[in-house]
Amino acid sequence: MSSRRDCIKRGADLVIIDSEKEQEFITEHKRDYSWIGLSNLETEVTWLWVDGSPLSQQFWGSSEPDNGPRKNCAQTDVNNWVAHNCATDLNWICETNVLLP
């Protein structure tokens, strides 16, 4: 995914949303539909974050995830997540750990 490559090039990775507070922040500050760091590319039935961790919080929209053919990546929707074709051209959200002095 070019979105992940871009994040890594910037010293970050695609966002991992692991709390309701972070989901609310993303929903409030994103501009459009955007890729997040969640996919089921490894196994069709298990959604994992880019760091290999499983879902601890889930914010799927109704009837999601739609595990249809080629719907292997997650994007933000209005307030939720949607399974979508990874090749779709969307914005993406990167995150990094910032060390404060």
PDB file of N, CA and C in Angstrom:
ATOM      1  N   MET A   1       0.841  -1.187   0.000  1.00  0.00           N
ATOM      2  CA  MET A   1       0.000   0.000   0.000  1.00  0.00           C
ATOM      3  C   MET A   1       0.882   1.244   0.000  1.00  0.00           C
ATOM      4  N   SER A   2       0.604   2.137  -0.905  1.00  0.00           N
ATOM      5  CA  SER A   2       1.394   3.366  -0.992  1.00  0.00           C
ATOM      6  C   SER A   2       1.186   4.242   0.239  1.00  0.00           C
ATOM      7  N   SER A   3       0.009   4.156   0.860  1.00  0.00           N
ATOM      8  CA  SER A   3      -0.253   4.943   2.067  1.00  0.00           C
ATOM      9  C   SER A   3       0.713   4.551   3.183  1.00  0.00           C
ATOM     10  N   ARG A   4       0.907   3.276   3.385  1.00  0.00           N
ATOM     11  CA  ARG A   4       1.815   2.822   4.444  1.00  0.00           C
ATOM     12  C   ARG A   4       3.256   3.191   4.110  1.00  0.00           C
ATOM     13  N   ARG A   5       3.648   3.023   2.863  1.00  0.00           N
ATOM     14  CA  ARG A   5       5.012   3.390   2.460  1.00  0.00           C
ATOM     15  C   ARG A   5       5.265   4.870   2.719  1.00  0.00           C
ATOM     16  N   ASP A   6       4.279   5.714   2.430  1.00  0.00           N
ATOM     17  CA  ASP A   6       4.432   7.143   2.677  1.00  0.00           C
ATOM     18  C   ASP A   6       4.592   7.430   4.162  1.00  0.00           C
ATOM     19  N   CYS A   7       3.786   6.808   4.998  1.00  0.00           N
ATOM     20  CA  CYS A   7       3.906   7.018   6.444  1.00  0.00           C
ATOM     21  C   CYS A   7       5.287   6.597   6.941  1.00  0.00           C
ATOM     22  N   ILE A   8       5.741   5.427   6.511  1.00  0.00           N
ATOM     23  CA  ILE A   8       7.042   4.922   6.953  1.00  0.00           C
ATOM     24  C   ILE A   8       8.157   5.854   6.497  1.00  0.00           C
ATOM     25  N   LYS A   9       8.045   6.367   5.285  1.00  0.00           N
ATOM     26  CA  LYS A   9       9.038   7.310   4.768  1.00  0.00           C
ATOM     27  C   LYS A   9       9.124   8.554   5.660  1.00  0.00           C
ATOM     28  N   ARG A  10       8.037   8.893   6.307  1.00  0.00           N
ATOM     29  CA  ARG A  10       7.975  10.068   7.188  1.00  0.00           C
ATOM     30  C   ARG A  10       8.321   9.733   8.639  1.00  0.00           C
ATOM     31  N   GLY A  11       8.743   8.485   8.894  1.00  0.00           N
ATOM     32  CA  GLY A  11       9.085   8.085  10.256  1.00  0.00           C
ATOM     33  C   GLY A  11       7.879   7.741  11.097  1.00  0.00           C
ATOM     34  N   ALA A  12       6.793   7.346  10.454  1.00  0.00           N
ATOM     35  CA  ALA A  12       5.542   7.034  11.146  1.00  0.00           C
ATOM     36  C   ALA A  12       4.989   5.722  10.599  1.00  0.00           C
ATOM     37  N   ASP A  13       3.733   5.444  10.869  1.00  0.00           N
ATOM     38  CA  ASP A  13       3.023   4.320  10.271  1.00  0.00           C
ATOM     39  C   ASP A  13       1.554   4.711  10.223  1.00  0.00           C
ATOM     40  N   LEU A  14       0.758   3.914   9.520  1.00  0.00           N
ATOM     41  CA  LEU A  14      -0.679   4.180   9.498  1.00  0.00           C
ATOM     42  C   LEU A  14      -1.230   4.107  10.918  1.00  0.00           C
ATOM     43  N   VAL A  15      -2.218   4.913  11.192  1.00  0.00           N
ATOM     44  CA  VAL A  15      -2.760   5.038  12.542  1.00  0.00           C
ATOM     45  C   VAL A  15      -3.385   3.732  13.031  1.00  0.00           C
ATOM     46  N   ILE A  16      -3.148   3.461  14.306  1.00  0.00           N
ATOM     47  CA  ILE A  16      -3.785   2.357  15.029  1.00  0.00           C
ATOM     48  C   ILE A  16      -4.740   3.005  16.023  1.00  0.00           C
ATOM     49  N   ILE A  17      -6.020   2.709  15.881  1.00  0.00           N
ATOM     50  CA  ILE A  17      -7.041   3.315  16.744  1.00  0.00           C
ATOM     51  C   ILE A  17      -7.415   2.290  17.807  1.00  0.00           C
ATOM     52  N   ASP A  18      -6.972   2.536  19.037  1.00  0.00           N
ATOM     53  CA  ASP A  18      -7.195   1.544  20.082  1.00  0.00           C
ATOM     54  C   ASP A  18      -7.946   2.085  21.294  1.00  0.00           C
ATOM     55  N   SER A  19      -8.663   3.197  21.091  1.00  0.00           N
ATOM     56  CA  SER A  19      -9.499   3.704  22.178  1.00  0.00           C
ATOM     57  C   SER A  19     -10.630   4.546  21.591  1.00  0.00           C
ATOM     58  N   GLU A  20     -11.678   4.668  22.361  1.00  0.00           N
ATOM     59  CA  GLU A  20     -12.811   5.493  21.927  1.00  0.00           C
ATOM     60  C   GLU A  20     -12.382   6.957  21.787  1.00  0.00           C
ATOM     61  N   LYS A  21     -11.506   7.402  22.688  1.00  0.00           N
ATOM     62  CA  LYS A  21     -11.020   8.779  22.645  1.00  0.00           C
ATOM     63  C   LYS A  21     -10.255   9.046  21.342  1.00  0.00           C
ATOM     64  N   GLU A  22      -9.429   8.096  20.922  1.00  0.00           N
ATOM     65  CA  GLU A  22      -8.678   8.263  19.676  1.00  0.00           C
ATOM     66  C   GLU A  22      -9.616   8.229  18.467  1.00  0.00           C
ATOM     67  N   GLN A  23     -10.623   7.360  18.498  1.00  0.00           N
ATOM     68  CA  GLN A  23     -11.607   7.317  17.416  1.00  0.00           C
ATOM     69  C   GLN A  23     -12.327   8.658  17.304  1.00  0.00           C
ATOM     70  N   GLU A  24     -12.717   9.228  18.422  1.00  0.00           N
ATOM     71  CA  GLU A  24     -13.394  10.527  18.419  1.00  0.00           C
ATOM     72  C   GLU A  24     -12.474  11.611  17.866  1.00  0.00           C
ATOM     73  N   PHE A  25     -11.203  11.588  18.249  1.00  0.00           N
ATOM     74  CA  PHE A  25     -10.238  12.571  17.745  1.00  0.00           C
ATOM     75  C   PHE A  25     -10.093  12.459  16.222  1.00  0.00           C
ATOM     76  N   ILE A  26      -9.936  11.240  15.720  1.00  0.00           N
ATOM     77  CA  ILE A  26      -9.800  11.011  14.284  1.00  0.00           C
ATOM     78  C   ILE A  26     -11.050  11.502  13.558  1.00  0.00           C
ATOM     79  N   THR A  27     -12.217  11.134  14.062  1.00  0.00           N
ATOM     80  CA  THR A  27     -13.482  11.533  13.436  1.00  0.00           C
ATOM     81  C   THR A  27     -13.598  13.057  13.378  1.00  0.00           C
ATOM     82  N   GLU A  28     -13.199  13.721  14.433  1.00  0.00           N
ATOM     83  CA  GLU A  28     -13.318  15.174  14.509  1.00  0.00           C
ATOM     84  C   GLU A  28     -12.323  15.900  13.594  1.00  0.00           C
ATOM     85  N   HIS A  29     -11.133  15.328  13.366  1.00  0.00           N
ATOM     86  CA  HIS A  29     -10.074  16.050  12.674  1.00  0.00           C
ATOM     87  C   HIS A  29      -9.774  15.602  11.247  1.00  0.00           C
ATOM     88  N   LYS A  30     -10.331  14.495  10.799  1.00  0.00           N
ATOM     89  CA  LYS A  30     -10.037  14.061   9.428  1.00  0.00           C
ATOM     90  C   LYS A  30     -10.834  14.900   8.434  1.00  0.00           C
ATOM     91  N   ARG A  31     -10.305  14.978   7.216  1.00  0.00           N
ATOM     92  CA  ARG A  31     -10.990  15.768   6.193  1.00  0.00           C
ATOM     93  C   ARG A  31     -11.954  14.935   5.366  1.00  0.00           C
ATOM     94  N   ASP A  32     -11.557  13.768   4.960  1.00  0.00           N
ATOM     95  CA  ASP A  32     -12.357  12.909   4.088  1.00  0.00           C
ATOM     96  C   ASP A  32     -12.219  11.468   4.546  1.00  0.00           C
ATOM     97  N   TYR A  33     -12.748  10.574   3.737  1.00  0.00           N
ATOM     98  CA  TYR A  33     -12.511   9.155   3.986  1.00  0.00           C
ATOM     99  C   TYR A  33     -11.013   8.923   3.943  1.00  0.00           C
ATOM    100  N   SER A  34     -10.504   8.165   4.879  1.00  0.00           N
ATOM    101  CA  SER A  34      -9.055   7.992   4.995  1.00  0.00           C
ATOM    102  C   SER A  34      -8.708   6.570   5.408  1.00  0.00           C
ATOM    103  N   TRP A  35      -7.572   6.082   4.884  1.00  0.00           N
ATOM    104  CA  TRP A  35      -7.072   4.778   5.290  1.00  0.00           C
ATOM    105  C   TRP A  35      -6.553   4.829   6.716  1.00  0.00           C
ATOM    106  N   ILE A  36      -6.794   3.749   7.455  1.00  0.00           N
ATOM    107  CA  ILE A  36      -6.190   3.552   8.768  1.00  0.00           C
ATOM    108  C   ILE A  36      -5.356   2.277   8.676  1.00  0.00           C
ATOM    109  N   GLY A  37      -4.619   1.953   9.694  1.00  0.00           N
ATOM    110  CA  GLY A  37      -3.682   0.833   9.639  1.00  0.00           C
ATOM    111  C   GLY A  37      -4.271  -0.520   9.963  1.00  0.00           C
ATOM    112  N   LEU A  38      -5.427  -0.830   9.412  1.00  0.00           N
ATOM    113  CA  LEU A  38      -6.134  -2.072   9.711  1.00  0.00           C
ATOM    114  C   LEU A  38      -6.453  -2.820   8.422  1.00  0.00           C
ATOM    115  N   SER A  39      -6.114  -4.109   8.388  1.00  0.00           N
ATOM    116  CA  SER A  39      -6.425  -4.911   7.198  1.00  0.00           C
ATOM    117  C   SER A  39      -6.570  -6.373   7.578  1.00  0.00           C
ATOM    118  N   ASN A  40      -7.101  -7.131   6.630  1.00  0.00           N
ATOM    119  CA  ASN A  40      -7.150  -8.588   6.782  1.00  0.00           C
ATOM    120  C   ASN A  40      -6.396  -9.230   5.615  1.00  0.00           C
ATOM    121  N   LEU A  41      -5.314  -8.606   5.213  1.00  0.00           N
ATOM    122  CA  LEU A  41      -4.518  -9.098   4.094  1.00  0.00           C
ATOM    123  C   LEU A  41      -3.811 -10.409   4.414  1.00  0.00           C
ATOM    124  N   GLU A  42      -3.453 -10.622   5.666  1.00  0.00           N
ATOM    125  CA  GLU A  42      -2.755 -11.849   6.061  1.00  0.00           C
ATOM    126  C   GLU A  42      -3.697 -13.052   6.028  1.00  0.00           C
ATOM    127  N   THR A  43      -4.847 -12.910   6.667  1.00  0.00           N
ATOM    128  CA  THR A  43      -5.869 -13.952   6.645  1.00  0.00           C
ATOM    129  C   THR A  43      -7.207 -13.266   6.423  1.00  0.00           C
ATOM    130  N   GLU A  44      -8.014 -13.825   5.591  1.00  0.00           N
ATOM    131  CA  GLU A  44      -9.272 -13.190   5.183  1.00  0.00           C
ATOM    132  C   GLU A  44     -10.215 -12.897   6.350  1.00  0.00           C
ATOM    133  N   VAL A  45     -10.132 -13.658   7.415  1.00  0.00           N
ATOM    134  CA  VAL A  45     -11.109 -13.503   8.499  1.00  0.00           C
ATOM    135  C   VAL A  45     -10.596 -12.718   9.701  1.00  0.00           C
ATOM    136  N   THR A  46      -9.300 -12.492   9.798  1.00  0.00           N
ATOM    137  CA  THR A  46      -8.746 -11.827  10.969  1.00  0.00           C
ATOM    138  C   THR A  46      -8.220 -10.453  10.601  1.00  0.00           C
ATOM    139  N   TRP A  47      -8.793  -9.430  11.205  1.00  0.00           N
ATOM    140  CA  TRP A  47      -8.346  -8.059  10.977  1.00  0.00           C
ATOM    141  C   TRP A  47      -7.239  -7.736  11.976  1.00  0.00           C
ATOM    142  N   LEU A  48      -6.111  -7.254  11.464  1.00  0.00           N
ATOM    143  CA  LEU A  48      -4.951  -6.924  12.292  1.00  0.00           C
ATOM    144  C   LEU A  48      -4.463  -5.516  11.979  1.00  0.00           C
ATOM    145  N   TRP A  49      -3.861  -4.900  12.975  1.00  0.00           N
ATOM    146  CA  TRP A  49      -3.240  -3.589  12.788  1.00  0.00           C
ATOM    147  C   TRP A  49      -1.884  -3.761  12.111  1.00  0.00           C
ATOM    148  N   VAL A  50      -1.332  -2.679  11.598  1.00  0.00           N
ATOM    149  CA  VAL A  50      -0.058  -2.733  10.876  1.00  0.00           C
ATOM    150  C   VAL A  50       1.076  -3.277  11.741  1.00  0.00           C
ATOM    151  N   ASP A  51       0.985  -3.178  13.042  1.00  0.00           N
ATOM    152  CA  ASP A  51       2.031  -3.721  13.915  1.00  0.00           C
ATOM    153  C   ASP A  51       1.780  -5.192  14.265  1.00  0.00           C
ATOM    154  N   GLY A  52       0.741  -5.794  13.677  1.00  0.00           N
ATOM    155  CA  GLY A  52       0.420  -7.197  13.920  1.00  0.00           C
ATOM    156  C   GLY A  52      -0.513  -7.432  15.093  1.00  0.00           C
ATOM    157  N   SER A  53      -0.889  -6.398  15.804  1.00  0.00           N
ATOM    158  CA  SER A  53      -1.758  -6.575  16.969  1.00  0.00           C
ATOM    159  C   SER A  53      -3.222  -6.736  16.541  1.00  0.00           C
ATOM    160  N   PRO A  54      -3.987  -7.510  17.354  1.00  0.00           N
ATOM    161  CA  PRO A  54      -5.407  -7.711  17.046  1.00  0.00           C
ATOM    162  C   PRO A  54      -6.232  -6.506  17.487  1.00  0.00           C
ATOM    163  N   LEU A  55      -7.465  -6.474  17.056  1.00  0.00           N
ATOM    164  CA  LEU A  55      -8.376  -5.398  17.460  1.00  0.00           C
ATOM    165  C   LEU A  55      -8.672  -5.489  18.952  1.00  0.00           C
ATOM    166  N   SER A  56      -8.570  -4.370  19.648  1.00  0.00           N
ATOM    167  CA  SER A  56      -9.003  -4.323  21.041  1.00  0.00           C
ATOM    168  C   SER A  56     -10.296  -3.515  21.141  1.00  0.00           C
ATOM    169  N   GLN A  57     -10.422  -2.510  20.305  1.00  0.00           N
ATOM    170  CA  GLN A  57     -11.640  -1.705  20.175  1.00  0.00           C
ATOM    171  C   GLN A  57     -12.074  -1.801  18.716  1.00  0.00           C
ATOM    172  N   GLN A  58     -13.368  -1.801  18.472  1.00  0.00           N
ATOM    173  CA  GLN A  58     -13.863  -1.866  17.102  1.00  0.00           C
ATOM    174  C   GLN A  58     -14.909  -0.788  16.891  1.00  0.00           C
ATOM    175  N   PHE A  59     -14.776  -0.085  15.784  1.00  0.00           N
ATOM    176  CA  PHE A  59     -15.705   0.996  15.465  1.00  0.00           C
ATOM    177  C   PHE A  59     -16.262   0.819  14.057  1.00  0.00           C
ATOM    178  N   TRP A  60     -16.648  -0.426  13.723  1.00  0.00           N
ATOM    179  CA  TRP A  60     -17.193  -0.720  12.410  1.00  0.00           C
ATOM    180  C   TRP A  60     -18.573  -0.100  12.253  1.00  0.00           C
ATOM    181  N   GLY A  61     -18.884   0.313  11.044  1.00  0.00           N
ATOM    182  CA  GLY A  61     -20.233   0.764  10.725  1.00  0.00           C
ATOM    183  C   GLY A  61     -21.181  -0.430  10.696  1.00  0.00           C
ATOM    184  N   SER A  62     -22.464  -0.167  10.565  1.00  0.00           N
ATOM    185  CA  SER A  62     -23.435  -1.263  10.519  1.00  0.00           C
ATOM    186  C   SER A  62     -23.155  -2.143   9.303  1.00  0.00           C
ATOM    187  N   SER A  63     -23.307  -3.422   9.474  1.00  0.00           N
ATOM    188  CA  SER A  63     -23.042  -4.465   8.471  1.00  0.00           C
ATOM    189  C   SER A  63     -21.581  -4.506   8.024  1.00  0.00           C
ATOM    190  N   GLU A  64     -20.688  -3.970   8.816  1.00  0.00           N
ATOM    191  CA  GLU A  64     -19.244  -4.036   8.532  1.00  0.00           C
ATOM    192  C   GLU A  64     -18.572  -4.902   9.594  1.00  0.00           C
ATOM    193  N   PRO A  65     -17.445  -5.509   9.333  1.00  0.00           N
ATOM    194  CA  PRO A  65     -16.747  -5.413   8.066  1.00  0.00           C
ATOM    195  C   PRO A  65     -17.404  -6.286   7.002  1.00  0.00           C
ATOM    196  N   ASP A  66     -17.542  -5.730   5.828  1.00  0.00           N
ATOM    197  CA  ASP A  66     -18.048  -6.460   4.669  1.00  0.00           C
ATOM    198  C   ASP A  66     -16.866  -7.221   4.086  1.00  0.00           C
ATOM    199  N   ASN A  67     -16.782  -8.489   4.392  1.00  0.00           N
ATOM    200  CA  ASN A  67     -15.640  -9.291   3.957  1.00  0.00           C
ATOM    201  C   ASN A  67     -15.801  -9.764   2.517  1.00  0.00           C
ATOM    202  N   GLY A  68     -16.331  -8.880   1.687  1.00  0.00           N
ATOM    203  CA  GLY A  68     -16.488  -9.204   0.276  1.00  0.00           C
ATOM    204  C   GLY A  68     -15.138  -9.291  -0.415  1.00  0.00           C
ATOM    205  N   PRO A  69     -15.158  -9.753  -1.664  1.00  0.00           N
ATOM    206  CA  PRO A  69     -13.911  -9.888  -2.407  1.00  0.00           C
ATOM    207  C   PRO A  69     -13.177  -8.557  -2.510  1.00  0.00           C
ATOM    208  N   ARG A  70     -11.906  -8.589  -2.223  1.00  0.00           N
ATOM    209  CA  ARG A  70     -11.004  -7.440  -2.329  1.00  0.00           C
ATOM    210  C   ARG A  70     -11.329  -6.303  -1.367  1.00  0.00           C
ATOM    211  N   LYS A  71     -12.116  -6.561  -0.342  1.00  0.00           N
ATOM    212  CA  LYS A  71     -12.373  -5.548   0.690  1.00  0.00           C
ATOM    213  C   LYS A  71     -11.519  -5.902   1.897  1.00  0.00           C
ATOM    214  N   ASN A  72     -10.210  -5.643   1.777  1.00  0.00           N
ATOM    215  CA  ASN A  72      -9.258  -6.113   2.777  1.00  0.00           C
ATOM    216  C   ASN A  72      -8.606  -5.007   3.590  1.00  0.00           C
ATOM    217  N   CYS A  73      -8.972  -3.766   3.362  1.00  0.00           N
ATOM    218  CA  CYS A  73      -8.386  -2.655   4.116  1.00  0.00           C
ATOM    219  C   CYS A  73      -9.502  -1.839   4.744  1.00  0.00           C
ATOM    220  N   ALA A  74      -9.188  -1.188   5.870  1.00  0.00           N
ATOM    221  CA  ALA A  74     -10.191  -0.389   6.569  1.00  0.00           C
ATOM    222  C   ALA A  74      -9.951   1.095   6.342  1.00  0.00           C
ATOM    223  N   GLN A  75     -11.042   1.800   6.171  1.00  0.00           N
ATOM    224  CA  GLN A  75     -10.993   3.254   6.031  1.00  0.00           C
ATOM    225  C   GLN A  75     -11.963   3.863   7.032  1.00  0.00           C
ATOM    226  N   THR A  76     -11.737   5.122   7.344  1.00  0.00           N
ATOM    227  CA  THR A  76     -12.693   5.833   8.169  1.00  0.00           C
ATOM    228  C   THR A  76     -13.844   6.262   7.289  1.00  0.00           C
ATOM    229  N   ASP A  77     -15.027   6.234   7.844  1.00  0.00           N
ATOM    230  CA  ASP A  77     -16.234   6.720   7.175  1.00  0.00           C
ATOM    231  C   ASP A  77     -16.638   7.964   7.951  1.00  0.00           C
ATOM    232  N   VAL A  78     -17.889   8.307   7.965  1.00  0.00           N
ATOM    233  CA  VAL A  78     -18.331   9.499   8.697  1.00  0.00           C
ATOM    234  C   VAL A  78     -17.946   9.394  10.169  1.00  0.00           C
ATOM    235  N   ASN A  79     -18.383   8.340  10.839  1.00  0.00           N
ATOM    236  CA  ASN A  79     -18.064   8.131  12.252  1.00  0.00           C
ATOM    237  C   ASN A  79     -17.508   6.752  12.545  1.00  0.00           C
ATOM    238  N   ASN A  80     -17.405   5.908  11.526  1.00  0.00           N
ATOM    239  CA  ASN A  80     -17.073   4.511  11.733  1.00  0.00           C
ATOM    240  C   ASN A  80     -15.999   4.053  10.763  1.00  0.00           C
ATOM    241  N   TRP A  81     -15.756   2.746  10.762  1.00  0.00           N
ATOM    242  CA  TRP A  81     -14.831   2.130   9.816  1.00  0.00           C
ATOM    243  C   TRP A  81     -15.624   1.364   8.774  1.00  0.00           C
ATOM    244  N   VAL A  82     -15.042   1.258   7.591  1.00  0.00           N
ATOM    245  CA  VAL A  82     -15.644   0.530   6.482  1.00  0.00           C
ATOM    246  C   VAL A  82     -14.558  -0.307   5.818  1.00  0.00           C
ATOM    247  N   ALA A  83     -14.863  -1.562   5.482  1.00  0.00           N
ATOM    248  CA  ALA A  83     -13.943  -2.404   4.720  1.00  0.00           C
ATOM    249  C   ALA A  83     -14.017  -1.970   3.257  1.00  0.00           C
ATOM    250  N   HIS A  84     -12.855  -1.832   2.632  1.00  0.00           N
ATOM    251  CA  HIS A  84     -12.830  -1.309   1.265  1.00  0.00           C
ATOM    252  C   HIS A  84     -11.681  -1.924   0.484  1.00  0.00           C
ATOM    253  N   ASN A  85     -11.717  -1.797  -0.811  1.00  0.00           N
ATOM    254  CA  ASN A  85     -10.655  -2.283  -1.684  1.00  0.00           C
ATOM    255  C   ASN A  85      -9.381  -1.480  -1.424  1.00  0.00           C
ATOM    256  N   CYS A  86      -8.294  -2.155  -1.118  1.00  0.00           N
ATOM    257  CA  CYS A  86      -7.028  -1.503  -0.759  1.00  0.00           C
ATOM    258  C   CYS A  86      -6.463  -0.635  -1.881  1.00  0.00           C
ATOM    259  N   ALA A  87      -6.852  -0.880  -3.113  1.00  0.00           N
ATOM    260  CA  ALA A  87      -6.305  -0.135  -4.250  1.00  0.00           C
ATOM    261  C   ALA A  87      -7.004   1.203  -4.477  1.00  0.00           C
ATOM    262  N   THR A  88      -8.045   1.481  -3.720  1.00  0.00           N
ATOM    263  CA  THR A  88      -8.770   2.741  -3.875  1.00  0.00           C
ATOM    264  C   THR A  88      -7.902   3.907  -3.429  1.00  0.00           C
ATOM    265  N   ASP A  89      -7.935   4.978  -4.191  1.00  0.00           N
ATOM    266  CA  ASP A  89      -7.134   6.169  -3.901  1.00  0.00           C
ATOM    267  C   ASP A  89      -7.852   7.030  -2.857  1.00  0.00           C
ATOM    268  N   LEU A  90      -7.341   7.013  -1.638  1.00  0.00           N
ATOM    269  CA  LEU A  90      -7.903   7.796  -0.536  1.00  0.00           C
ATOM    270  C   LEU A  90      -6.778   8.517   0.196  1.00  0.00           C
ATOM    271  N   ASN A  91      -7.151   9.462   1.035  1.00  0.00           N
ATOM    272  CA  ASN A  91      -6.192  10.032   1.984  1.00  0.00           C
ATOM    273  C   ASN A  91      -5.850   8.952   2.998  1.00  0.00           C
ATOM    274  N   TRP A  92      -4.855   9.218   3.833  1.00  0.00           N
ATOM    275  CA  TRP A  92      -4.513   8.287   4.900  1.00  0.00           C
ATOM    276  C   TRP A  92      -4.069   9.074   6.115  1.00  0.00           C
ATOM    277  N   ILE A  93      -4.068   8.384   7.246  1.00  0.00           N
ATOM    278  CA  ILE A  93      -3.719   9.015   8.511  1.00  0.00           C
ATOM    279  C   ILE A  93      -2.501   8.292   9.085  1.00  0.00           C
ATOM    280  N   CYS A  94      -1.414   9.028   9.263  1.00  0.00           N
ATOM    281  CA  CYS A  94      -0.189   8.488   9.861  1.00  0.00           C
ATOM    282  C   CYS A  94      -0.137   8.888  11.332  1.00  0.00           C
ATOM    283  N   GLU A  95       0.580   8.099  12.105  1.00  0.00           N
ATOM    284  CA  GLU A  95       0.850   8.466  13.496  1.00  0.00           C
ATOM    285  C   GLU A  95       2.251   8.039  13.861  1.00  0.00           C
ATOM    286  N   THR A  96       2.804   8.736  14.820  1.00  0.00           N
ATOM    287  CA  THR A  96       4.124   8.398  15.319  1.00  0.00           C
ATOM    288  C   THR A  96       4.157   8.677  16.814  1.00  0.00           C
ATOM    289  N   ASN A  97       5.081   8.053  17.500  1.00  0.00           N
ATOM    290  CA  ASN A  97       5.287   8.342  18.912  1.00  0.00           C
ATOM    291  C   ASN A  97       6.238   9.522  19.001  1.00  0.00           C
ATOM    292  N   VAL A  98       5.827  10.538  19.691  1.00  0.00           N
ATOM    293  CA  VAL A  98       6.666  11.721  19.869  1.00  0.00           C
ATOM    294  C   VAL A  98       7.228  11.682  21.285  1.00  0.00           C
ATOM    295  N   LEU A  99       8.536  11.762  21.366  1.00  0.00           N
ATOM    296  CA  LEU A  99       9.181  11.780  22.670  1.00  0.00           C
ATOM    297  C   LEU A  99       9.269  13.229  23.146  1.00  0.00           C
ATOM    298  N   LEU A 100       8.663  13.476  24.274  1.00  0.00           N
ATOM    299  CA  LEU A 100       8.696  14.825  24.847  1.00  0.00           C
ATOM    300  C   LEU A 100       9.831  14.921  25.848  1.00  0.00           C
ATOM    301  N   PRO A 101      10.536  16.068  25.876  1.00  0.00           N
ATOM    302  CA  PRO A 101      11.645  16.216  26.821  1.00  0.00           C
ATOM    303  C   PRO A 101      11.166  16.260  28.260  1.00  0.00           C
TER     304      PRO A 101
END
